[in-house]
PDB file of N, CA and C in Angstrom:
ATOM      1  N   MET A   1     -90.508 -43.201 -51.967  1.00  0.00           N
ATOM      2  CA  MET A   1     -90.038 -44.565 -52.180  1.00  0.00           C
ATOM      3  C   MET A   1     -89.016 -44.616 -53.315  1.00  0.00           C
ATOM      4  N   GLU A   2     -89.300 -43.899 -54.404  1.00  0.00           N
ATOM      5  CA  GLU A   2     -88.357 -43.869 -55.533  1.00  0.00           C
ATOM      6  C   GLU A   2     -87.040 -43.210 -55.133  1.00  0.00           C
ATOM      7  N   THR A   3     -87.109 -42.178 -54.329  1.00  0.00           N
ATOM      8  CA  THR A   3     -85.900 -41.494 -53.889  1.00  0.00           C
ATOM      9  C   THR A   3     -85.051 -42.423 -53.011  1.00  0.00           C
ATOM     10  N   LEU A   4     -85.710 -43.169 -52.162  1.00  0.00           N
ATOM     11  CA  LEU A   4     -85.017 -44.109 -51.301  1.00  0.00           C
ATOM     12  C   LEU A   4     -84.337 -45.201 -52.121  1.00  0.00           C
ATOM     13  N   ARG A   5     -85.019 -45.684 -53.132  1.00  0.00           N
ATOM     14  CA  ARG A   5     -84.454 -46.703 -54.013  1.00  0.00           C
ATOM     15  C   ARG A   5     -83.255 -46.145 -54.774  1.00  0.00           C
ATOM     16  N   LEU A   6     -83.366 -44.922 -55.249  1.00  0.00           N
ATOM     17  CA  LEU A   6     -82.270 -44.282 -55.970  1.00  0.00           C
ATOM     18  C   LEU A   6     -81.049 -44.106 -55.064  1.00  0.00           C
ATOM     19  N   ILE A   7     -81.278 -43.689 -53.839  1.00  0.00           N
ATOM     20  CA  ILE A   7     -80.172 -43.525 -52.894  1.00  0.00           C
ATOM     21  C   ILE A   7     -79.514 -44.870 -52.608  1.00  0.00           C
ATOM     22  N   PHE A   8     -80.315 -45.913 -52.462  1.00  0.00           N
ATOM     23  CA  PHE A   8     -79.785 -47.250 -52.229  1.00  0.00           C
ATOM     24  C   PHE A   8     -78.897 -47.691 -53.391  1.00  0.00           C
ATOM     25  N   TYR A   9     -79.368 -47.528 -54.621  1.00  0.00           N
ATOM     26  CA  TYR A   9     -78.591 -47.928 -55.794  1.00  0.00           C
ATOM     27  C   TYR A   9     -77.308 -47.108 -55.924  1.00  0.00           C
ATOM     28  N   LEU A  10     -77.370 -45.839 -55.614  1.00  0.00           N
ATOM     29  CA  LEU A  10     -76.173 -45.002 -55.675  1.00  0.00           C
ATOM     30  C   LEU A  10     -75.146 -45.417 -54.626  1.00  0.00           C
ATOM     31  N   LEU A  11     -75.625 -45.750 -53.443  1.00  0.00           N
ATOM     32  CA  LEU A  11     -74.700 -46.207 -52.405  1.00  0.00           C
ATOM     33  C   LEU A  11     -74.062 -47.532 -52.785  1.00  0.00           C
ATOM     34  N   ILE A  12     -74.857 -48.473 -53.256  1.00  0.00           N
ATOM     35  CA  ILE A  12     -74.323 -49.771 -53.661  1.00  0.00           C
ATOM     36  C   ILE A  12     -73.360 -49.593 -54.832  1.00  0.00           C
ATOM     37  N   GLY A  13     -73.752 -48.824 -55.822  1.00  0.00           N
ATOM     38  CA  GLY A  13     -72.884 -48.575 -56.978  1.00  0.00           C
ATOM     39  C   GLY A  13     -71.623 -47.836 -56.592  1.00  0.00           C
ATOM     40  N   GLY A  14     -71.742 -46.924 -55.656  1.00  0.00           N
ATOM     41  CA  GLY A  14     -70.588 -46.154 -55.214  1.00  0.00           C
ATOM     42  C   GLY A  14     -69.606 -46.972 -54.395  1.00  0.00           C
ATOM     43  N   LEU A  15     -70.060 -48.063 -53.804  1.00  0.00           N
ATOM     44  CA  LEU A  15     -69.172 -48.917 -53.020  1.00  0.00           C
ATOM     45  C   LEU A  15     -68.642 -50.097 -53.824  1.00  0.00           C
ATOM     46  N   ILE A  16     -69.495 -50.723 -54.595  1.00  0.00           N
ATOM     47  CA  ILE A  16     -69.112 -51.944 -55.297  1.00  0.00           C
ATOM     48  C   ILE A  16     -68.266 -51.644 -56.534  1.00  0.00           C
ATOM     49  N   LEU A  17     -68.627 -50.651 -57.288  1.00  0.00           N
ATOM     50  CA  LEU A  17     -67.890 -50.341 -58.520  1.00  0.00           C
ATOM     51  C   LEU A  17     -66.420 -50.029 -58.257  1.00  0.00           C
ATOM     52  N   PRO A  18     -66.082 -49.182 -57.294  1.00  0.00           N
ATOM     53  CA  PRO A  18     -64.655 -48.948 -57.036  1.00  0.00           C
ATOM     54  C   PRO A  18     -63.911 -50.204 -56.569  1.00  0.00           C
ATOM     55  N   LEU A  19     -64.580 -51.048 -55.783  1.00  0.00           N
ATOM     56  CA  LEU A  19     -63.941 -52.284 -55.336  1.00  0.00           C
ATOM     57  C   LEU A  19     -63.674 -53.223 -56.511  1.00  0.00           C
ATOM     58  N   LEU A  20     -64.608 -53.306 -57.450  1.00  0.00           N
ATOM     59  CA  LEU A  20     -64.404 -54.141 -58.632  1.00  0.00           C
ATOM     60  C   LEU A  20     -63.272 -53.609 -59.493  1.00  0.00           C
ATOM     61  N   ILE A  21     -63.233 -52.309 -59.674  1.00  0.00           N
ATOM     62  CA  ILE A  21     -62.151 -51.709 -60.467  1.00  0.00           C
ATOM     63  C   ILE A  21     -60.809 -51.980 -59.787  1.00  0.00           C
ATOM     64  N   TYR A  22     -60.780 -51.825 -58.477  1.00  0.00           N
ATOM     65  CA  TYR A  22     -59.562 -52.082 -57.688  1.00  0.00           C
ATOM     66  C   TYR A  22     -59.104 -53.527 -57.872  1.00  0.00           C
ATOM     67  N   ALA A  23     -60.045 -54.462 -57.841  1.00  0.00           N
ATOM     68  CA  ALA A  23     -59.706 -55.875 -58.002  1.00  0.00           C
ATOM     69  C   ALA A  23     -59.214 -56.165 -59.416  1.00  0.00           C
ATOM     70  N   PHE A  24     -59.842 -55.590 -60.429  1.00  0.00           N
ATOM     71  CA  PHE A  24     -59.417 -55.846 -61.800  1.00  0.00           C
ATOM     72  C   PHE A  24     -58.046 -55.249 -62.094  1.00  0.00           C
ATOM     73  N   VAL A  25     -57.726 -54.120 -61.470  1.00  0.00           N
ATOM     74  CA  VAL A  25     -56.385 -53.543 -61.634  1.00  0.00           C
ATOM     75  C   VAL A  25     -55.339 -54.485 -61.042  1.00  0.00           C
ATOM     76  N   GLY A  26     -55.612 -55.037 -59.873  1.00  0.00           N
ATOM     77  CA  GLY A  26     -54.697 -55.999 -59.265  1.00  0.00           C
ATOM     78  C   GLY A  26     -54.565 -57.259 -60.095  1.00  0.00           C
ATOM     79  N   LYS A  27     -55.670 -57.729 -60.658  1.00  0.00           N
ATOM     80  CA  LYS A  27     -55.644 -58.921 -61.517  1.00  0.00           C
ATOM     81  C   LYS A  27     -54.783 -58.657 -62.751  1.00  0.00           C
ATOM     82  N   TYR A  28     -54.889 -57.469 -63.299  1.00  0.00           N
ATOM     83  CA  TYR A  28     -54.075 -57.092 -64.458  1.00  0.00           C
ATOM     84  C   TYR A  28     -52.591 -57.073 -64.094  1.00  0.00           C
ATOM     85  N   GLN A  29     -52.260 -56.509 -62.932  1.00  0.00           N
ATOM     86  CA  GLN A  29     -50.869 -56.472 -62.488  1.00  0.00           C
ATOM     87  C   GLN A  29     -50.329 -57.888 -62.286  1.00  0.00           C
ATOM     88  N   ALA A  30     -51.133 -58.758 -61.708  1.00  0.00           N
ATOM     89  CA  ALA A  30     -50.704 -60.139 -61.481  1.00  0.00           C
ATOM     90  C   ALA A  30     -50.475 -60.854 -62.808  1.00  0.00           C
ATOM     91  N   SER A  31     -51.370 -60.676 -63.753  1.00  0.00           N
ATOM     92  CA  SER A  31     -51.213 -61.353 -65.047  1.00  0.00           C
ATOM     93  C   SER A  31     -50.012 -60.813 -65.814  1.00  0.00           C
ATOM     94  N   ARG A  32     -49.683 -59.547 -65.631  1.00  0.00           N
ATOM     95  CA  ARG A  32     -48.488 -58.992 -66.275  1.00  0.00           C
ATOM     96  C   ARG A  32     -47.217 -59.614 -65.731  1.00  0.00           C
ATOM     97  N   CYS A  33     -47.252 -60.065 -64.483  1.00  0.00           N
ATOM     98  CA  CYS A  33     -46.099 -60.714 -63.857  1.00  0.00           C
ATOM     99  C   CYS A  33     -46.078 -62.214 -64.112  1.00  0.00           C
ATOM    100  N   GLY A  34     -47.070 -62.721 -64.814  1.00  0.00           N
ATOM    101  CA  GLY A  34     -47.109 -64.141 -65.142  1.00  0.00           C
ATOM    102  C   GLY A  34     -47.829 -65.001 -64.125  1.00  0.00           C
ATOM    103  N   ALA A  35     -48.499 -64.386 -63.171  1.00  0.00           N
ATOM    104  CA  ALA A  35     -49.215 -65.139 -62.132  1.00  0.00           C
ATOM    105  C   ALA A  35     -50.655 -65.371 -62.558  1.00  0.00           C
ATOM    106  N   ASN A  36     -51.080 -66.601 -62.503  1.00  0.00           N
ATOM    107  CA  ASN A  36     -52.465 -66.957 -62.818  1.00  0.00           C
ATOM    108  C   ASN A  36     -53.227 -67.066 -61.506  1.00  0.00           C
ATOM    109  N   ILE A  37     -53.817 -65.964 -61.089  1.00  0.00           N
ATOM    110  CA  ILE A  37     -54.506 -65.886 -59.806  1.00  0.00           C
ATOM    111  C   ILE A  37     -55.944 -65.463 -60.070  1.00  0.00           C
ATOM    112  N   GLY A  38     -56.853 -66.041 -59.318  1.00  0.00           N
ATOM    113  CA  GLY A  38     -58.261 -65.692 -59.442  1.00  0.00           C
ATOM    114  C   GLY A  38     -58.542 -64.289 -58.924  1.00  0.00           C
ATOM    115  N   LEU A  39     -59.635 -63.731 -59.401  1.00  0.00           N
ATOM    116  CA  LEU A  39     -60.018 -62.377 -59.023  1.00  0.00           C
ATOM    117  C   LEU A  39     -60.269 -62.281 -57.517  1.00  0.00           C
ATOM    118  N   LYS A  40     -60.868 -63.309 -56.937  1.00  0.00           N
ATOM    119  CA  LYS A  40     -61.133 -63.316 -55.500  1.00  0.00           C
ATOM    120  C   LYS A  40     -59.829 -63.278 -54.704  1.00  0.00           C
ATOM    121  N   GLU A  41     -58.839 -64.076 -55.119  1.00  0.00           N
ATOM    122  CA  GLU A  41     -57.562 -64.095 -54.404  1.00  0.00           C
ATOM    123  C   GLU A  41     -56.843 -62.758 -54.513  1.00  0.00           C
ATOM    124  N   VAL A  42     -56.878 -62.170 -55.701  1.00  0.00           N
ATOM    125  CA  VAL A  42     -56.232 -60.861 -55.884  1.00  0.00           C
ATOM    126  C   VAL A  42     -56.912 -59.818 -55.016  1.00  0.00           C
ATOM    127  N   PHE A  43     -58.243 -59.852 -54.975  1.00  0.00           N
ATOM    128  CA  PHE A  43     -58.994 -58.896 -54.162  1.00  0.00           C
ATOM    129  C   PHE A  43     -58.638 -59.049 -52.683  1.00  0.00           C
ATOM    130  N   LEU A  44     -58.578 -60.295 -52.206  1.00  0.00           N
ATOM    131  CA  LEU A  44     -58.229 -60.525 -50.803  1.00  0.00           C
ATOM    132  C   LEU A  44     -56.789 -60.111 -50.508  1.00  0.00           C
ATOM    133  N   MET A  45     -55.880 -60.319 -51.466  1.00  0.00           N
ATOM    134  CA  MET A  45     -54.498 -59.869 -51.290  1.00  0.00           C
ATOM    135  C   MET A  45     -54.447 -58.350 -51.169  1.00  0.00           C
ATOM    136  N   GLN A  46     -55.260 -57.679 -51.970  1.00  0.00           N
ATOM    137  CA  GLN A  46     -55.262 -56.227 -51.910  1.00  0.00           C
ATOM    138  C   GLN A  46     -55.837 -55.722 -50.593  1.00  0.00           C
ATOM    139  N   LEU A  47     -56.814 -56.432 -50.057  1.00  0.00           N
ATOM    140  CA  LEU A  47     -57.342 -56.040 -48.754  1.00  0.00           C
ATOM    141  C   LEU A  47     -56.286 -56.225 -47.663  1.00  0.00           C
ATOM    142  N   ARG A  48     -55.441 -57.249 -47.813  1.00  0.00           N
ATOM    143  CA  ARG A  48     -54.363 -57.483 -46.847  1.00  0.00           C
ATOM    144  C   ARG A  48     -53.117 -56.662 -47.186  1.00  0.00           C
ATOM    145  N   LYS A  49     -53.198 -55.888 -48.249  1.00  0.00           N
ATOM    146  CA  LYS A  49     -52.106 -55.021 -48.720  1.00  0.00           C
ATOM    147  C   LYS A  49     -50.847 -55.819 -49.064  1.00  0.00           C
ATOM    148  N   THR A  50     -51.033 -56.943 -49.764  1.00  0.00           N
ATOM    149  CA  THR A  50     -49.895 -57.751 -50.190  1.00  0.00           C
ATOM    150  C   THR A  50     -49.824 -57.869 -51.701  1.00  0.00           C
ATOM    151  N   ASN A  51     -50.457 -56.979 -52.401  1.00  0.00           N
ATOM    152  CA  ASN A  51     -50.427 -57.055 -53.860  1.00  0.00           C
ATOM    153  C   ASN A  51     -49.135 -56.452 -54.400  1.00  0.00           C
ATOM    154  N   ASP A  52     -48.045 -57.016 -53.991  1.00  0.00           N
ATOM    155  CA  ASP A  52     -46.731 -56.515 -54.353  1.00  0.00           C
ATOM    156  C   ASP A  52     -46.245 -57.197 -55.624  1.00  0.00           C
ATOM    157  N   LYS A  53     -45.514 -56.480 -56.440  1.00  0.00           N
ATOM    158  CA  LYS A  53     -45.005 -57.043 -57.683  1.00  0.00           C
ATOM    159  C   LYS A  53     -44.080 -58.233 -57.422  1.00  0.00           C
ATOM    160  N   LYS A  54     -43.292 -58.169 -56.351  1.00  0.00           N
ATOM    161  CA  LYS A  54     -42.386 -59.272 -56.011  1.00  0.00           C
ATOM    162  C   LYS A  54     -43.170 -60.555 -55.744  1.00  0.00           C
ATOM    163  N   LEU A  55     -44.287 -60.424 -55.046  1.00  0.00           N
ATOM    164  CA  LEU A  55     -45.121 -61.585 -54.744  1.00  0.00           C
ATOM    165  C   LEU A  55     -45.737 -62.149 -56.023  1.00  0.00           C
ATOM    166  N   PHE A  56     -46.235 -61.292 -56.875  1.00  0.00           N
ATOM    167  CA  PHE A  56     -46.830 -61.748 -58.130  1.00  0.00           C
ATOM    168  C   PHE A  56     -45.792 -62.432 -59.022  1.00  0.00           C
ATOM    169  N   GLU A  57     -44.575 -61.890 -59.051  1.00  0.00           N
ATOM    170  CA  GLU A  57     -43.512 -62.516 -59.850  1.00  0.00           C
ATOM    171  C   GLU A  57     -43.146 -63.893 -59.298  1.00  0.00           C
ATOM    172  N   ALA A  58     -43.080 -64.012 -57.966  1.00  0.00           N
ATOM    173  CA  ALA A  58     -42.762 -65.310 -57.350  1.00  0.00           C
ATOM    174  C   ALA A  58     -43.857 -66.330 -57.645  1.00  0.00           C
ATOM    175  N   ILE A  59     -45.105 -65.907 -57.565  1.00  0.00           N
ATOM    176  CA  ILE A  59     -46.217 -66.810 -57.871  1.00  0.00           C
ATOM    177  C   ILE A  59     -46.142 -67.249 -59.328  1.00  0.00           C
ATOM    178  N   GLY A  60     -45.837 -66.326 -60.216  1.00  0.00           N
ATOM    179  CA  GLY A  60     -45.704 -66.665 -61.636  1.00  0.00           C
ATOM    180  C   GLY A  60     -44.585 -67.666 -61.878  1.00  0.00           C
ATOM    181  N   ARG A  61     -43.443 -67.468 -61.234  1.00  0.00           N
ATOM    182  CA  ARG A  61     -42.314 -68.406 -61.400  1.00  0.00           C
ATOM    183  C   ARG A  61     -42.656 -69.794 -60.879  1.00  0.00           C
ATOM    184  N   VAL A  62     -43.327 -69.860 -59.753  1.00  0.00           N
ATOM    185  CA  VAL A  62     -43.720 -71.146 -59.172  1.00  0.00           C
ATOM    186  C   VAL A  62     -44.709 -71.857 -60.087  1.00  0.00           C
ATOM    187  N   GLN A  63     -45.667 -71.113 -60.606  1.00  0.00           N
ATOM    188  CA  GLN A  63     -46.666 -71.718 -61.491  1.00  0.00           C
ATOM    189  C   GLN A  63     -46.047 -72.183 -62.804  1.00  0.00           C
ATOM    190  N   LYS A  64     -45.140 -71.400 -63.358  1.00  0.00           N
ATOM    191  CA  LYS A  64     -44.492 -71.799 -64.618  1.00  0.00           C
ATOM    192  C   LYS A  64     -43.619 -73.032 -64.438  1.00  0.00           C
ATOM    193  N   ALA A  65     -42.998 -73.168 -63.260  1.00  0.00           N
ATOM    194  CA  ALA A  65     -42.136 -74.322 -62.990  1.00  0.00           C
ATOM    195  C   ALA A  65     -42.948 -75.563 -62.620  1.00  0.00           C
ATOM    196  N   GLY A  66     -44.219 -75.380 -62.348  1.00  0.00           N
ATOM    197  CA  GLY A  66     -45.069 -76.512 -62.006  1.00  0.00           C
ATOM    198  C   GLY A  66     -44.900 -76.992 -60.576  1.00  0.00           C
ATOM    199  N   LEU A  67     -44.382 -76.140 -59.710  1.00  0.00           N
ATOM    200  CA  LEU A  67     -44.216 -76.511 -58.305  1.00  0.00           C
ATOM    201  C   LEU A  67     -45.561 -76.447 -57.583  1.00  0.00           C
ATOM    202  N   ASP A  68     -45.741 -77.311 -56.626  1.00  0.00           N
ATOM    203  CA  ASP A  68     -46.997 -77.382 -55.891  1.00  0.00           C
ATOM    204  C   ASP A  68     -46.869 -76.637 -54.565  1.00  0.00           C
ATOM    205  N   ILE A  69     -46.844 -75.311 -54.661  1.00  0.00           N
ATOM    206  CA  ILE A  69     -46.761 -74.464 -53.474  1.00  0.00           C
ATOM    207  C   ILE A  69     -47.992 -73.570 -53.479  1.00  0.00           C
ATOM    208  N   GLU A  70     -48.721 -73.582 -52.378  1.00  0.00           N
ATOM    209  CA  GLU A  70     -49.936 -72.786 -52.291  1.00  0.00           C
ATOM    210  C   GLU A  70     -49.606 -71.291 -52.264  1.00  0.00           C
ATOM    211  N   ILE A  71     -50.489 -70.528 -52.857  1.00  0.00           N
ATOM    212  CA  ILE A  71     -50.311 -69.071 -52.893  1.00  0.00           C
ATOM    213  C   ILE A  71     -50.294 -68.504 -51.484  1.00  0.00           C
ATOM    214  N   ASN A  72     -51.081 -69.068 -50.590  1.00  0.00           N
ATOM    215  CA  ASN A  72     -51.121 -68.576 -49.204  1.00  0.00           C
ATOM    216  C   ASN A  72     -49.777 -68.734 -48.513  1.00  0.00           C
ATOM    217  N   ARG A  73     -49.053 -69.811 -48.814  1.00  0.00           N
ATOM    218  CA  ARG A  73     -47.723 -70.010 -48.213  1.00  0.00           C
ATOM    219  C   ARG A  73     -46.739 -68.962 -48.732  1.00  0.00           C
ATOM    220  N   LEU A  74     -46.809 -68.684 -50.030  1.00  0.00           N
ATOM    221  CA  LEU A  74     -45.938 -67.651 -50.604  1.00  0.00           C
ATOM    222  C   LEU A  74     -46.271 -66.284 -50.010  1.00  0.00           C
ATOM    223  N   GLU A  75     -47.548 -66.014 -49.899  1.00  0.00           N
ATOM    224  CA  GLU A  75     -47.970 -64.734 -49.341  1.00  0.00           C
ATOM    225  C   GLU A  75     -47.561 -64.611 -47.874  1.00  0.00           C
ATOM    226  N   GLY A  76     -47.678 -65.694 -47.129  1.00  0.00           N
ATOM    227  CA  GLY A  76     -47.275 -65.678 -45.723  1.00  0.00           C
ATOM    228  C   GLY A  76     -45.796 -65.418 -45.556  1.00  0.00           C
ATOM    229  N   HIS A  77     -44.983 -66.045 -46.413  1.00  0.00           N
ATOM    230  CA  HIS A  77     -43.535 -65.811 -46.348  1.00  0.00           C
ATOM    231  C   HIS A  77     -43.220 -64.359 -46.697  1.00  0.00           C
ATOM    232  N   HIS A  78     -43.927 -63.842 -47.683  1.00  0.00           N
ATOM    233  CA  HIS A  78     -43.737 -62.444 -48.087  1.00  0.00           C
ATOM    234  C   HIS A  78     -44.124 -61.501 -46.950  1.00  0.00           C
ATOM    235  N   LEU A  79     -45.267 -61.773 -46.306  1.00  0.00           N
ATOM    236  CA  LEU A  79     -45.724 -60.921 -45.208  1.00  0.00           C
ATOM    237  C   LEU A  79     -44.787 -60.993 -44.000  1.00  0.00           C
ATOM    238  N   ALA A  80     -44.145 -62.136 -43.810  1.00  0.00           N
ATOM    239  CA  ALA A  80     -43.224 -62.302 -42.681  1.00  0.00           C
ATOM    240  C   ALA A  80     -41.885 -61.610 -42.928  1.00  0.00           C
ATOM    241  N   GLY A  81     -41.696 -61.083 -44.127  1.00  0.00           N
ATOM    242  CA  GLY A  81     -40.460 -60.359 -44.423  1.00  0.00           C
ATOM    243  C   GLY A  81     -39.393 -61.213 -45.068  1.00  0.00           C
ATOM    244  N   GLY A  82     -39.776 -62.379 -45.565  1.00  0.00           N
ATOM    245  CA  GLY A  82     -38.814 -63.260 -46.214  1.00  0.00           C
ATOM    246  C   GLY A  82     -38.505 -62.826 -47.637  1.00  0.00           C
ATOM    247  N   ASP A  83     -37.417 -63.343 -48.157  1.00  0.00           N
ATOM    248  CA  ASP A  83     -36.977 -63.037 -49.519  1.00  0.00           C
ATOM    249  C   ASP A  83     -37.476 -64.134 -50.458  1.00  0.00           C
ATOM    250  N   LEU A  84     -38.641 -63.904 -51.050  1.00  0.00           N
ATOM    251  CA  LEU A  84     -39.253 -64.908 -51.925  1.00  0.00           C
ATOM    252  C   LEU A  84     -38.401 -65.221 -53.136  1.00  0.00           C
ATOM    253  N   LYS A  85     -37.790 -64.206 -53.709  1.00  0.00           N
ATOM    254  CA  LYS A  85     -36.991 -64.424 -54.907  1.00  0.00           C
ATOM    255  C   LYS A  85     -35.826 -65.367 -54.610  1.00  0.00           C
ATOM    256  N   LYS A  86     -35.168 -65.167 -53.492  1.00  0.00           N
ATOM    257  CA  LYS A  86     -34.030 -65.997 -53.103  1.00  0.00           C
ATOM    258  C   LYS A  86     -34.470 -67.447 -52.856  1.00  0.00           C
ATOM    259  N   VAL A  87     -35.585 -67.625 -52.156  1.00  0.00           N
ATOM    260  CA  VAL A  87     -36.084 -68.965 -51.845  1.00  0.00           C
ATOM    261  C   VAL A  87     -36.508 -69.700 -53.111  1.00  0.00           C
ATOM    262  N   ILE A  88     -37.277 -69.036 -53.967  1.00  0.00           N
ATOM    263  CA  ILE A  88     -37.778 -69.669 -55.194  1.00  0.00           C
ATOM    264  C   ILE A  88     -36.627 -69.979 -56.140  1.00  0.00           C
ATOM    265  N   THR A  89     -35.664 -69.066 -56.256  1.00  0.00           N
ATOM    266  CA  THR A  89     -34.517 -69.302 -57.126  1.00  0.00           C
ATOM    267  C   THR A  89     -33.736 -70.524 -56.658  1.00  0.00           C
ATOM    268  N   PHE A  90     -33.465 -70.637 -55.365  1.00  0.00           N
ATOM    269  CA  PHE A  90     -32.728 -71.794 -54.852  1.00  0.00           C
ATOM    270  C   PHE A  90     -33.536 -73.076 -55.067  1.00  0.00           C
ATOM    271  N   LEU A  91     -34.821 -73.003 -54.864  1.00  0.00           N
ATOM    272  CA  LEU A  91     -35.695 -74.163 -55.037  1.00  0.00           C
ATOM    273  C   LEU A  91     -35.699 -74.644 -56.481  1.00  0.00           C
ATOM    274  N   LEU A  92     -35.685 -73.709 -57.413  1.00  0.00           N
ATOM    275  CA  LEU A  92     -35.689 -74.082 -58.833  1.00  0.00           C
ATOM    276  C   LEU A  92     -34.321 -74.565 -59.306  1.00  0.00           C
ATOM    277  N   GLU A  93     -33.250 -74.048 -58.726  1.00  0.00           N
ATOM    278  CA  GLU A  93     -31.905 -74.443 -59.143  1.00  0.00           C
ATOM    279  C   GLU A  93     -31.455 -75.767 -58.536  1.00  0.00           C
ATOM    280  N   HIS A  94     -32.068 -76.186 -57.432  1.00  0.00           N
ATOM    281  CA  HIS A  94     -31.658 -77.415 -56.748  1.00  0.00           C
ATOM    282  C   HIS A  94     -32.857 -78.342 -56.512  1.00  0.00           C
ATOM    283  N   PRO A  95     -33.498 -78.798 -57.577  1.00  0.00           N
ATOM    284  CA  PRO A  95     -34.671 -79.676 -57.376  1.00  0.00           C
ATOM    285  C   PRO A  95     -34.306 -81.082 -56.899  1.00  0.00           C
ATOM    286  N   GLU A  96     -33.056 -81.481 -57.121  1.00  0.00           N
ATOM    287  CA  GLU A  96     -32.648 -82.844 -56.762  1.00  0.00           C
ATOM    288  C   GLU A  96     -32.157 -82.948 -55.320  1.00  0.00           C
ATOM    289  N   HIS A  97     -31.974 -81.827 -54.651  1.00  0.00           N
ATOM    290  CA  HIS A  97     -31.465 -81.824 -53.280  1.00  0.00           C
ATOM    291  C   HIS A  97     -32.531 -82.418 -52.355  1.00  0.00           C
ATOM    292  N   PRO A  98     -32.171 -83.447 -51.553  1.00  0.00           N
ATOM    293  CA  PRO A  98     -33.184 -84.142 -50.740  1.00  0.00           C
ATOM    294  C   PRO A  98     -33.787 -83.305 -49.611  1.00  0.00           C
ATOM    295  N   LYS A  99     -33.056 -82.325 -49.115  1.00  0.00           N
ATOM    296  CA  LYS A  99     -33.547 -81.531 -47.987  1.00  0.00           C
ATOM    297  C   LYS A  99     -34.183 -80.214 -48.418  1.00  0.00           C
ATOM    298  N   VAL A 100     -34.323 -80.018 -49.705  1.00  0.00           N
ATOM    299  CA  VAL A 100     -34.833 -78.750 -50.190  1.00  0.00           C
ATOM    300  C   VAL A 100     -36.331 -78.854 -50.450  1.00  0.00           C
ATOM    301  N   ASN A 101     -37.081 -78.120 -49.660  1.00  0.00           N
ATOM    302  CA  ASN A 101     -38.493 -77.893 -49.939  1.00  0.00           C
ATOM    303  C   ASN A 101     -38.820 -76.471 -49.488  1.00  0.00           C
ATOM    304  N   PHE A 102     -39.989 -75.994 -49.863  1.00  0.00           N
ATOM    305  CA  PHE A 102     -40.310 -74.596 -49.593  1.00  0.00           C
ATOM    306  C   PHE A 102     -40.363 -74.306 -48.099  1.00  0.00           C
ATOM    307  N   GLU A 103     -40.934 -75.207 -47.327  1.00  0.00           N
ATOM    308  CA  GLU A 103     -41.082 -74.974 -45.896  1.00  0.00           C
ATOM    309  C   GLU A 103     -39.722 -74.848 -45.204  1.00  0.00           C
ATOM    310  N   ALA A 104     -38.806 -75.744 -45.556  1.00  0.00           N
ATOM    311  CA  ALA A 104     -37.476 -75.709 -44.932  1.00  0.00           C
ATOM    312  C   ALA A 104     -36.724 -74.443 -45.331  1.00  0.00           C
ATOM    313  N   LEU A 105     -36.743 -74.121 -46.616  1.00  0.00           N
ATOM    314  CA  LEU A 105     -36.046 -72.913 -47.070  1.00  0.00           C
ATOM    315  C   LEU A 105     -36.676 -71.655 -46.488  1.00  0.00           C
ATOM    316  N   SER A 106     -37.986 -71.661 -46.382  1.00  0.00           N
ATOM    317  CA  SER A 106     -38.685 -70.512 -45.817  1.00  0.00           C
ATOM    318  C   SER A 106     -38.291 -70.309 -44.354  1.00  0.00           C
ATOM    319  N   ALA A 107     -38.247 -71.398 -43.603  1.00  0.00           N
ATOM    320  CA  ALA A 107     -37.867 -71.301 -42.191  1.00  0.00           C
ATOM    321  C   ALA A 107     -36.430 -70.805 -42.039  1.00  0.00           C
ATOM    322  N   LEU A 108     -35.533 -71.341 -42.854  1.00  0.00           N
ATOM    323  CA  LEU A 108     -34.133 -70.899 -42.786  1.00  0.00           C
ATOM    324  C   LEU A 108     -33.997 -69.431 -43.175  1.00  0.00           C
ATOM    325  N   ASP A 109     -34.747 -69.017 -44.184  1.00  0.00           N
ATOM    326  CA  ASP A 109     -34.689 -67.627 -44.641  1.00  0.00           C
ATOM    327  C   ASP A 109     -35.200 -66.683 -43.554  1.00  0.00           C
ATOM    328  N   LEU A 110     -36.307 -67.038 -42.934  1.00  0.00           N
ATOM    329  CA  LEU A 110     -36.865 -66.169 -41.895  1.00  0.00           C
ATOM    330  C   LEU A 110     -36.004 -66.149 -40.640  1.00  0.00           C
ATOM    331  N   ALA A 111     -35.236 -67.219 -40.420  1.00  0.00           N
ATOM    332  CA  ALA A 111     -34.327 -67.254 -39.271  1.00  0.00           C
ATOM    333  C   ALA A 111     -33.044 -66.483 -39.541  1.00  0.00           C
ATOM    334  N   GLY A 112     -32.864 -66.047 -40.774  1.00  0.00           N
ATOM    335  CA  GLY A 112     -31.667 -65.280 -41.119  1.00  0.00           C
ATOM    336  C   GLY A 112     -30.461 -66.146 -41.432  1.00  0.00           C
ATOM    337  N   ILE A 113     -30.677 -67.430 -41.660  1.00  0.00           N
ATOM    338  CA  ILE A 113     -29.579 -68.347 -41.972  1.00  0.00           C
ATOM    339  C   ILE A 113     -29.336 -68.340 -43.470  1.00  0.00           C
ATOM    340  N   ASP A 114     -28.082 -68.276 -43.861  1.00  0.00           N
ATOM    341  CA  ASP A 114     -27.733 -68.274 -45.278  1.00  0.00           C
ATOM    342  C   ASP A 114     -27.816 -69.707 -45.805  1.00  0.00           C
ATOM    343  N   PHE A 115     -28.997 -70.090 -46.275  1.00  0.00           N
ATOM    344  CA  PHE A 115     -29.192 -71.470 -46.720  1.00  0.00           C
ATOM    345  C   PHE A 115     -28.464 -71.774 -48.012  1.00  0.00           C
ATOM    346  N   GLU A 116     -28.129 -70.772 -48.781  1.00  0.00           N
ATOM    347  CA  GLU A 116     -27.394 -71.008 -50.030  1.00  0.00           C
ATOM    348  C   GLU A 116     -26.012 -71.591 -49.708  1.00  0.00           C
ATOM    349  N   ARG A 117     -25.367 -71.043 -48.702  1.00  0.00           N
ATOM    350  CA  ARG A 117     -24.045 -71.541 -48.291  1.00  0.00           C
ATOM    351  C   ARG A 117     -24.183 -72.848 -47.500  1.00  0.00           C
ATOM    352  N   LEU A 118     -25.227 -72.956 -46.705  1.00  0.00           N
ATOM    353  CA  LEU A 118     -25.431 -74.119 -45.860  1.00  0.00           C
ATOM    354  C   LEU A 118     -25.745 -75.374 -46.661  1.00  0.00           C
ATOM    355  N   LEU A 119     -26.581 -75.255 -47.676  1.00  0.00           N
ATOM    356  CA  LEU A 119     -27.045 -76.425 -48.431  1.00  0.00           C
ATOM    357  C   LEU A 119     -26.279 -76.686 -49.723  1.00  0.00           C
ATOM    358  N   ALA A 120     -25.502 -75.742 -50.169  1.00  0.00           N
ATOM    359  CA  ALA A 120     -24.786 -75.937 -51.450  1.00  0.00           C
ATOM    360  C   ALA A 120     -23.564 -76.806 -51.289  1.00  0.00           C
TER     361      ALA A 120
END
C-alpha cells in the first residue's frame, strides 16, 4: 500500500511540477513584455502554442493604452497569421477615426488589404 501511494505521488509530482514550471516561465515572459495576464491564460496559451513574444507585446500595448480588446481576440488574430503590431499601432495612432476598431482592422489585415493607405 505504501509503495502504491509513493508511486502515485511520484506520478502526480512528475506531471504537475513540470506543467507549473512551464506556466510560470510563460508568465514571466509575458510580464517582461508588459502584459498583465493570469497564470491560467498563459498556461492555456502555451498549450495552444501561442506564447509568442509578439503576442505578449501586443497585449501589453493594448493594456497600457487602456483599450478594451479581449486577449482571445488578439490571440485569434495572431493565430490566423495577422500582423498584430501593425493593427495595434494603427489603432493607437488613429483613435479619432470613426471607422477604426479592432474587428475592422483585423478583417482588413487578414484579407491582405493595406488599411493604412485605405483609411489614412
